[in-house]
Amino acid sequence: SLKEVVNTNKCLLHLAKHNDYLLITSIID
């Protein structure tokens, strides 16, 4: 979730597969 990176220099990524599709979530400040 977004608040995990607000005020930081981090990028958090989360990866998931749904059938043939790769879903990538990417969050930054």
PDB file of all heavy atoms in Angstrom:
ATOM      1  N   SER A   1       0.847  -1.193   0.000  1.00  0.00           N
ATOM      2  CA  SER A   1       0.000   0.000   0.000  1.00  0.00           C
ATOM      3  C   SER A   1       0.879   1.239   0.000  1.00  0.00           C
ATOM      4  O   SER A   1       2.035   1.210   0.451  1.00  0.00           O
ATOM      5  CB  SER A   1      -0.936   0.007   1.214  1.00  0.00           C
ATOM      6  OG  SER A   1      -0.184   0.071   2.412  1.00  0.00           O
ATOM      7  N   LEU A   2       0.335   2.339  -0.483  1.00  0.00           N
ATOM      8  CA  LEU A   2       1.130   3.520  -0.807  1.00  0.00           C
ATOM      9  C   LEU A   2       1.862   4.109   0.392  1.00  0.00           C
ATOM     10  O   LEU A   2       3.005   4.572   0.266  1.00  0.00           O
ATOM     11  CB  LEU A   2       0.231   4.572  -1.459  1.00  0.00           C
ATOM     12  CG  LEU A   2       0.928   5.699  -2.213  1.00  0.00           C
ATOM     13  CD1 LEU A   2       1.875   5.162  -3.269  1.00  0.00           C
ATOM     14  CD2 LEU A   2      -0.109   6.626  -2.851  1.00  0.00           C
ATOM     15  N   LYS A   3       1.251   4.121   1.554  1.00  0.00           N
ATOM     16  CA  LYS A   3       1.881   4.756   2.712  1.00  0.00           C
ATOM     17  C   LYS A   3       3.177   4.079   3.134  1.00  0.00           C
ATOM     18  O   LYS A   3       3.958   4.657   3.893  1.00  0.00           O
ATOM     19  CB  LYS A   3       0.904   4.797   3.889  1.00  0.00           C
ATOM     20  CG  LYS A   3      -0.180   5.855   3.749  1.00  0.00           C
ATOM     21  CD  LYS A   3      -1.016   5.950   5.013  1.00  0.00           C
ATOM     22  CE  LYS A   3      -2.059   7.053   4.893  1.00  0.00           C
ATOM     23  NZ  LYS A   3      -2.871   7.170   6.140  1.00  0.00           N
ATOM     24  N   GLU A   4       3.413   2.882   2.635  1.00  0.00           N
ATOM     25  CA  GLU A   4       4.650   2.177   2.977  1.00  0.00           C
ATOM     26  C   GLU A   4       5.877   2.804   2.328  1.00  0.00           C
ATOM     27  O   GLU A   4       7.008   2.513   2.733  1.00  0.00           O
ATOM     28  CB  GLU A   4       4.529   0.708   2.587  1.00  0.00           C
ATOM     29  CG  GLU A   4       3.468  -0.043   3.369  1.00  0.00           C
ATOM     30  CD  GLU A   4       3.067  -1.348   2.728  1.00  0.00           C
ATOM     31  OE1 GLU A   4       3.939  -2.018   2.127  1.00  0.00           O
ATOM     32  OE2 GLU A   4       1.880  -1.716   2.798  1.00  0.00           O
ATOM     33  N   VAL A   5       5.687   3.659   1.315  1.00  0.00           N
ATOM     34  CA  VAL A   5       6.820   4.295   0.663  1.00  0.00           C
ATOM     35  C   VAL A   5       6.818   5.815   0.780  1.00  0.00           C
ATOM     36  O   VAL A   5       7.833   6.454   0.499  1.00  0.00           O
ATOM     37  CB  VAL A   5       6.902   3.923  -0.836  1.00  0.00           C
ATOM     38  CG1 VAL A   5       7.181   2.448  -1.016  1.00  0.00           C
ATOM     39  CG2 VAL A   5       5.658   4.357  -1.592  1.00  0.00           C
ATOM     40  N   VAL A   6       5.702   6.420   1.176  1.00  0.00           N
ATOM     41  CA  VAL A   6       5.650   7.879   1.262  1.00  0.00           C
ATOM     42  C   VAL A   6       6.667   8.370   2.290  1.00  0.00           C
ATOM     43  O   VAL A   6       6.760   7.838   3.390  1.00  0.00           O
ATOM     44  CB  VAL A   6       4.230   8.358   1.616  1.00  0.00           C
ATOM     45  CG1 VAL A   6       4.220   9.851   1.927  1.00  0.00           C
ATOM     46  CG2 VAL A   6       3.282   8.061   0.463  1.00  0.00           C
ATOM     47  N   ASN A   7       7.445   9.382   1.892  1.00  0.00           N
ATOM     48  CA  ASN A   7       8.531   9.958   2.690  1.00  0.00           C
ATOM     49  C   ASN A   7       9.812   9.130   2.621  1.00  0.00           C
ATOM     50  O   ASN A   7      10.737   9.347   3.397  1.00  0.00           O
ATOM     51  CB  ASN A   7       8.136  10.166   4.149  1.00  0.00           C
ATOM     52  CG  ASN A   7       9.119  11.056   4.896  1.00  0.00           C
ATOM     53  OD1 ASN A   7       9.462  12.132   4.415  1.00  0.00           O
ATOM     54  ND2 ASN A   7       9.601  10.615   6.045  1.00  0.00           N
ATOM     55  N   THR A   8       9.927   8.196   1.681  1.00  0.00           N
ATOM     56  CA  THR A   8      11.145   7.392   1.548  1.00  0.00           C
ATOM     57  C   THR A   8      11.641   7.401   0.105  1.00  0.00           C
ATOM     58  O   THR A   8      10.944   7.815  -0.814  1.00  0.00           O
ATOM     59  CB  THR A   8      10.918   5.919   1.949  1.00  0.00           C
ATOM     60  OG1 THR A   8      10.261   5.223   0.871  1.00  0.00           O
ATOM     61  CG2 THR A   8      10.074   5.800   3.202  1.00  0.00           C
ATOM     62  N   ASN A   9      12.863   6.895  -0.064  1.00  0.00           N
ATOM     63  CA  ASN A   9      13.440   6.723  -1.397  1.00  0.00           C
ATOM     64  C   ASN A   9      13.251   5.292  -1.907  1.00  0.00           C
ATOM     65  O   ASN A   9      13.923   4.855  -2.823  1.00  0.00           O
ATOM     66  CB  ASN A   9      14.932   7.072  -1.374  1.00  0.00           C
ATOM     67  CG  ASN A   9      15.489   7.336  -2.762  1.00  0.00           C
ATOM     68  OD1 ASN A   9      14.955   8.149  -3.512  1.00  0.00           O
ATOM     69  ND2 ASN A   9      16.564   6.648  -3.125  1.00  0.00           N
ATOM     70  N   LYS A  10      12.316   4.572  -1.336  1.00  0.00           N
ATOM     71  CA  LYS A  10      12.083   3.179  -1.723  1.00  0.00           C
ATOM     72  C   LYS A  10      11.134   3.070  -2.913  1.00  0.00           C
ATOM     73  O   LYS A  10      10.264   3.912  -3.121  1.00  0.00           O
ATOM     74  CB  LYS A  10      11.464   2.395  -0.568  1.00  0.00           C
ATOM     75  CG  LYS A  10      12.349   2.202   0.643  1.00  0.00           C
ATOM     76  CD  LYS A  10      11.586   1.448   1.719  1.00  0.00           C
ATOM     77  CE  LYS A  10      12.423   1.261   2.976  1.00  0.00           C
ATOM     78  NZ  LYS A  10      11.648   0.575   4.045  1.00  0.00           N
ATOM     79  N   CYS A  11      11.313   1.995  -3.649  1.00  0.00           N
ATOM     80  CA  CYS A  11      10.293   1.493  -4.557  1.00  0.00           C
ATOM     81  C   CYS A  11       9.954   0.088  -4.074  1.00  0.00           C
ATOM     82  O   CYS A  11      10.844  -0.753  -3.924  1.00  0.00           O
ATOM     83  CB  CYS A  11      10.797   1.437  -5.995  1.00  0.00           C
ATOM     84  SG  CYS A  11       9.659   0.600  -7.132  1.00  0.00           S
ATOM     85  N   LEU A  12       8.673  -0.142  -3.803  1.00  0.00           N
ATOM     86  CA  LEU A  12       8.225  -1.486  -3.448  1.00  0.00           C
ATOM     87  C   LEU A  12       7.516  -2.106  -4.643  1.00  0.00           C
ATOM     88  O   LEU A  12       6.720  -1.444  -5.317  1.00  0.00           O
ATOM     89  CB  LEU A  12       7.267  -1.455  -2.259  1.00  0.00           C
ATOM     90  CG  LEU A  12       7.823  -1.027  -0.899  1.00  0.00           C
ATOM     91  CD1 LEU A  12       6.774  -1.251   0.182  1.00  0.00           C
ATOM     92  CD2 LEU A  12       9.108  -1.761  -0.561  1.00  0.00           C
ATOM     93  N   LEU A  13       7.826  -3.372  -4.885  1.00  0.00           N
ATOM     94  CA  LEU A  13       7.209  -4.118  -5.979  1.00  0.00           C
ATOM     95  C   LEU A  13       6.479  -5.329  -5.409  1.00  0.00           C
ATOM     96  O   LEU A  13       6.945  -5.967  -4.457  1.00  0.00           O
ATOM     97  CB  LEU A  13       8.272  -4.598  -6.971  1.00  0.00           C
ATOM     98  CG  LEU A  13       9.127  -3.532  -7.657  1.00  0.00           C
ATOM     99  CD1 LEU A  13      10.220  -4.196  -8.479  1.00  0.00           C
ATOM    100  CD2 LEU A  13       8.274  -2.632  -8.533  1.00  0.00           C
ATOM    101  N   HIS A  14       5.333  -5.652  -6.014  1.00  0.00           N
ATOM    102  CA  HIS A  14       4.636  -6.897  -5.689  1.00  0.00           C
ATOM    103  C   HIS A  14       4.301  -7.599  -6.999  1.00  0.00           C
ATOM    104  O   HIS A  14       3.919  -6.952  -7.984  1.00  0.00           O
ATOM    105  CB  HIS A  14       3.358  -6.615  -4.900  1.00  0.00           C
ATOM    106  CG  HIS A  14       2.635  -7.872  -4.521  1.00  0.00           C
ATOM    107  ND1 HIS A  14       1.524  -8.340  -5.207  1.00  0.00           N
ATOM    108  CD2 HIS A  14       2.875  -8.778  -3.535  1.00  0.00           C
ATOM    109  CE1 HIS A  14       1.116  -9.462  -4.660  1.00  0.00           C
ATOM    110  NE2 HIS A  14       1.904  -9.757  -3.644  1.00  0.00           N
ATOM    111  N   LEU A  15       4.487  -8.910  -7.022  1.00  0.00           N
ATOM    112  CA  LEU A  15       4.336  -9.707  -8.233  1.00  0.00           C
ATOM    113  C   LEU A  15       3.267 -10.775  -8.041  1.00  0.00           C
ATOM    114  O   LEU A  15       3.194 -11.404  -6.983  1.00  0.00           O
ATOM    115  CB  LEU A  15       5.665 -10.384  -8.579  1.00  0.00           C
ATOM    116  CG  LEU A  15       6.886  -9.458  -8.666  1.00  0.00           C
ATOM    117  CD1 LEU A  15       8.173 -10.264  -8.622  1.00  0.00           C
ATOM    118  CD2 LEU A  15       6.823  -8.617  -9.933  1.00  0.00           C
ATOM    119  N   ALA A  16       2.451 -10.979  -9.075  1.00  0.00           N
ATOM    120  CA  ALA A  16       1.426 -12.027  -9.024  1.00  0.00           C
ATOM    121  C   ALA A  16       1.167 -12.529 -10.444  1.00  0.00           C
ATOM    122  O   ALA A  16       1.343 -11.784 -11.417  1.00  0.00           O
ATOM    123  CB  ALA A  16       0.136 -11.504  -8.396  1.00  0.00           C
ATOM    124  N   LYS A  17       0.774 -13.782 -10.569  1.00  0.00           N
ATOM    125  CA  LYS A  17       0.392 -14.346 -11.870  1.00  0.00           C
ATOM    126  C   LYS A  17      -1.106 -14.642 -11.863  1.00  0.00           C
ATOM    127  O   LYS A  17      -1.645 -15.189 -10.915  1.00  0.00           O
ATOM    128  CB  LYS A  17       1.161 -15.644 -12.151  1.00  0.00           C
ATOM    129  CG  LYS A  17       2.571 -15.494 -12.663  1.00  0.00           C
ATOM    130  CD  LYS A  17       2.681 -14.827 -14.035  1.00  0.00           C
ATOM    131  CE  LYS A  17       2.136 -15.609 -15.202  1.00  0.00           C
ATOM    132  NZ  LYS A  17       2.901 -16.756 -15.651  1.00  0.00           N
ATOM    133  N   HIS A  18      -1.772 -14.279 -12.973  1.00  0.00           N
ATOM    134  CA  HIS A  18      -3.185 -14.579 -13.182  1.00  0.00           C
ATOM    135  C   HIS A  18      -3.301 -15.212 -14.564  1.00  0.00           C
ATOM    136  O   HIS A  18      -3.219 -14.509 -15.571  1.00  0.00           O
ATOM    137  CB  HIS A  18      -4.041 -13.310 -13.078  1.00  0.00           C
ATOM    138  CG  HIS A  18      -3.986 -12.683 -11.716  1.00  0.00           C
ATOM    139  ND1 HIS A  18      -4.865 -13.011 -10.710  1.00  0.00           N
ATOM    140  CD2 HIS A  18      -3.121 -11.778 -11.191  1.00  0.00           C
ATOM    141  CE1 HIS A  18      -4.569 -12.307  -9.628  1.00  0.00           C
ATOM    142  NE2 HIS A  18      -3.515 -11.554  -9.890  1.00  0.00           N
ATOM    143  N   ASN A  19      -3.399 -16.528 -14.588  1.00  0.00           N
ATOM    144  CA  ASN A  19      -3.336 -17.284 -15.853  1.00  0.00           C
ATOM    145  C   ASN A  19      -2.029 -16.934 -16.557  1.00  0.00           C
ATOM    146  O   ASN A  19      -0.966 -17.098 -15.984  1.00  0.00           O
ATOM    147  CB  ASN A  19      -4.573 -17.001 -16.703  1.00  0.00           C
ATOM    148  CG  ASN A  19      -5.843 -17.465 -16.009  1.00  0.00           C
ATOM    149  OD1 ASN A  19      -5.854 -18.525 -15.380  1.00  0.00           O
ATOM    150  ND2 ASN A  19      -6.903 -16.678 -16.103  1.00  0.00           N
ATOM    151  N   ASP A  20      -2.075 -16.406 -17.780  1.00  0.00           N
ATOM    152  CA  ASP A  20      -0.841 -16.098 -18.505  1.00  0.00           C
ATOM    153  C   ASP A  20      -0.307 -14.704 -18.199  1.00  0.00           C
ATOM    154  O   ASP A  20       0.747 -14.313 -18.711  1.00  0.00           O
ATOM    155  CB  ASP A  20      -1.080 -16.191 -20.015  1.00  0.00           C
ATOM    156  CG  ASP A  20      -1.320 -17.618 -20.469  1.00  0.00           C
ATOM    157  OD1 ASP A  20      -0.869 -18.543 -19.762  1.00  0.00           O
ATOM    158  OD2 ASP A  20      -1.973 -17.808 -21.514  1.00  0.00           O
ATOM    159  N   TYR A  21      -1.026 -13.945 -17.397  1.00  0.00           N
ATOM    160  CA  TYR A  21      -0.652 -12.550 -17.167  1.00  0.00           C
ATOM    161  C   TYR A  21       0.171 -12.391 -15.889  1.00  0.00           C
ATOM    162  O   TYR A  21      -0.171 -12.935 -14.835  1.00  0.00           O
ATOM    163  CB  TYR A  21      -1.887 -11.656 -17.080  1.00  0.00           C
ATOM    164  CG  TYR A  21      -2.532 -11.405 -18.417  1.00  0.00           C
ATOM    165  CD1 TYR A  21      -3.651 -12.133 -18.811  1.00  0.00           C
ATOM    166  CD2 TYR A  21      -2.017 -10.452 -19.284  1.00  0.00           C
ATOM    167  CE1 TYR A  21      -4.250 -11.904 -20.048  1.00  0.00           C
ATOM    168  CE2 TYR A  21      -2.602 -10.206 -20.519  1.00  0.00           C
ATOM    169  CZ  TYR A  21      -3.720 -10.949 -20.889  1.00  0.00           C
ATOM    170  OH  TYR A  21      -4.297 -10.719 -22.114  1.00  0.00           O
ATOM    171  N   LEU A  22       1.242 -11.612 -16.001  1.00  0.00           N
ATOM    172  CA  LEU A  22       2.016 -11.173 -14.849  1.00  0.00           C
ATOM    173  C   LEU A  22       1.512  -9.805 -14.432  1.00  0.00           C
ATOM    174  O   LEU A  22       1.490  -8.863 -15.239  1.00  0.00           O
ATOM    175  CB  LEU A  22       3.508 -11.100 -15.204  1.00  0.00           C
ATOM    176  CG  LEU A  22       4.422 -10.464 -14.152  1.00  0.00           C
ATOM    177  CD1 LEU A  22       4.429 -11.295 -12.864  1.00  0.00           C
ATOM    178  CD2 LEU A  22       5.844 -10.309 -14.709  1.00  0.00           C
ATOM    179  N   LEU A  23       1.100  -9.684 -13.177  1.00  0.00           N
ATOM    180  CA  LEU A  23       0.653  -8.415 -12.619  1.00  0.00           C
ATOM    181  C   LEU A  23       1.749  -7.874 -11.714  1.00  0.00           C
ATOM    182  O   LEU A  23       2.185  -8.545 -10.775  1.00  0.00           O
ATOM    183  CB  LEU A  23      -0.642  -8.600 -11.821  1.00  0.00           C
ATOM    184  CG  LEU A  23      -1.132  -7.383 -11.028  1.00  0.00           C
ATOM    185  CD1 LEU A  23      -1.496  -6.230 -11.955  1.00  0.00           C
ATOM    186  CD2 LEU A  23      -2.312  -7.765 -10.133  1.00  0.00           C
ATOM    187  N   ILE A  24       2.205  -6.651 -12.000  1.00  0.00           N
ATOM    188  CA  ILE A  24       3.262  -6.011 -11.223  1.00  0.00           C
ATOM    189  C   ILE A  24       2.686  -4.747 -10.594  1.00  0.00           C
ATOM    190  O   ILE A  24       2.122  -3.898 -11.294  1.00  0.00           O
ATOM    191  CB  ILE A  24       4.461  -5.628 -12.112  1.00  0.00           C
ATOM    192  CG1 ILE A  24       4.933  -6.819 -12.949  1.00  0.00           C
ATOM    193  CG2 ILE A  24       5.602  -5.074 -11.254  1.00  0.00           C
ATOM    194  CD1 ILE A  24       5.836  -6.431 -14.109  1.00  0.00           C
ATOM    195  N   THR A  25       2.807  -4.628  -9.298  1.00  0.00           N
ATOM    196  CA  THR A  25       2.452  -3.390  -8.608  1.00  0.00           C
ATOM    197  C   THR A  25       3.744  -2.690  -8.208  1.00  0.00           C
ATOM    198  O   THR A  25       4.646  -3.316  -7.639  1.00  0.00           O
ATOM    199  CB  THR A  25       1.601  -3.658  -7.363  1.00  0.00           C
ATOM    200  OG1 THR A  25       0.465  -4.446  -7.734  1.00  0.00           O
ATOM    201  CG2 THR A  25       1.122  -2.357  -6.739  1.00  0.00           C
ATOM    202  N   SER A  26       3.839  -1.393  -8.514  1.00  0.00           N
ATOM    203  CA  SER A  26       5.045  -0.614  -8.244  1.00  0.00           C
ATOM    204  C   SER A  26       4.635   0.682  -7.558  1.00  0.00           C
ATOM    205  O   SER A  26       3.798   1.429  -8.076  1.00  0.00           O
ATOM    206  CB  SER A  26       5.780  -0.304  -9.557  1.00  0.00           C
ATOM    207  OG  SER A  26       6.886   0.549  -9.342  1.00  0.00           O
ATOM    208  N   ILE A  27       5.215   0.955  -6.382  1.00  0.00           N
ATOM    209  CA  ILE A  27       4.842   2.167  -5.653  1.00  0.00           C
ATOM    210  C   ILE A  27       6.078   2.954  -5.231  1.00  0.00           C
ATOM    211  O   ILE A  27       7.088   2.377  -4.812  1.00  0.00           O
ATOM    212  CB  ILE A  27       3.962   1.848  -4.420  1.00  0.00           C
ATOM    213  CG1 ILE A  27       4.657   0.877  -3.467  1.00  0.00           C
ATOM    214  CG2 ILE A  27       2.619   1.282  -4.856  1.00  0.00           C
ATOM    215  CD1 ILE A  27       3.888   0.658  -2.156  1.00  0.00           C
ATOM    216  N   ILE A  28       5.991   4.270  -5.353  1.00  0.00           N
ATOM    217  CA  ILE A  28       7.065   5.173  -4.945  1.00  0.00           C
ATOM    218  C   ILE A  28       6.453   6.455  -4.390  1.00  0.00           C
ATOM    219  O   ILE A  28       5.271   6.744  -4.602  1.00  0.00           O
ATOM    220  CB  ILE A  28       8.011   5.543  -6.113  1.00  0.00           C
ATOM    221  CG1 ILE A  28       7.263   6.334  -7.195  1.00  0.00           C
ATOM    222  CG2 ILE A  28       8.694   4.315  -6.697  1.00  0.00           C
ATOM    223  CD1 ILE A  28       8.175   6.959  -8.251  1.00  0.00           C
ATOM    224  N   ASP A  29       7.270   7.228  -3.694  1.00  0.00           N
ATOM    225  CA  ASP A  29       6.932   8.616  -3.371  1.00  0.00           C
ATOM    226  C   ASP A  29       7.388   9.452  -4.567  1.00  0.00           C
ATOM    227  O   ASP A  29       8.579   9.484  -4.892  1.00  0.00           O
ATOM    228  CB  ASP A  29       7.664   9.055  -2.099  1.00  0.00           C
ATOM    229  CG  ASP A  29       7.276  10.458  -1.640  1.00  0.00           C
ATOM    230  OD1 ASP A  29       7.158  11.348  -2.502  1.00  0.00           O
ATOM    231  OD2 ASP A  29       7.105  10.676  -0.431  1.00  0.00           O
TER     232      ASP A  29
END
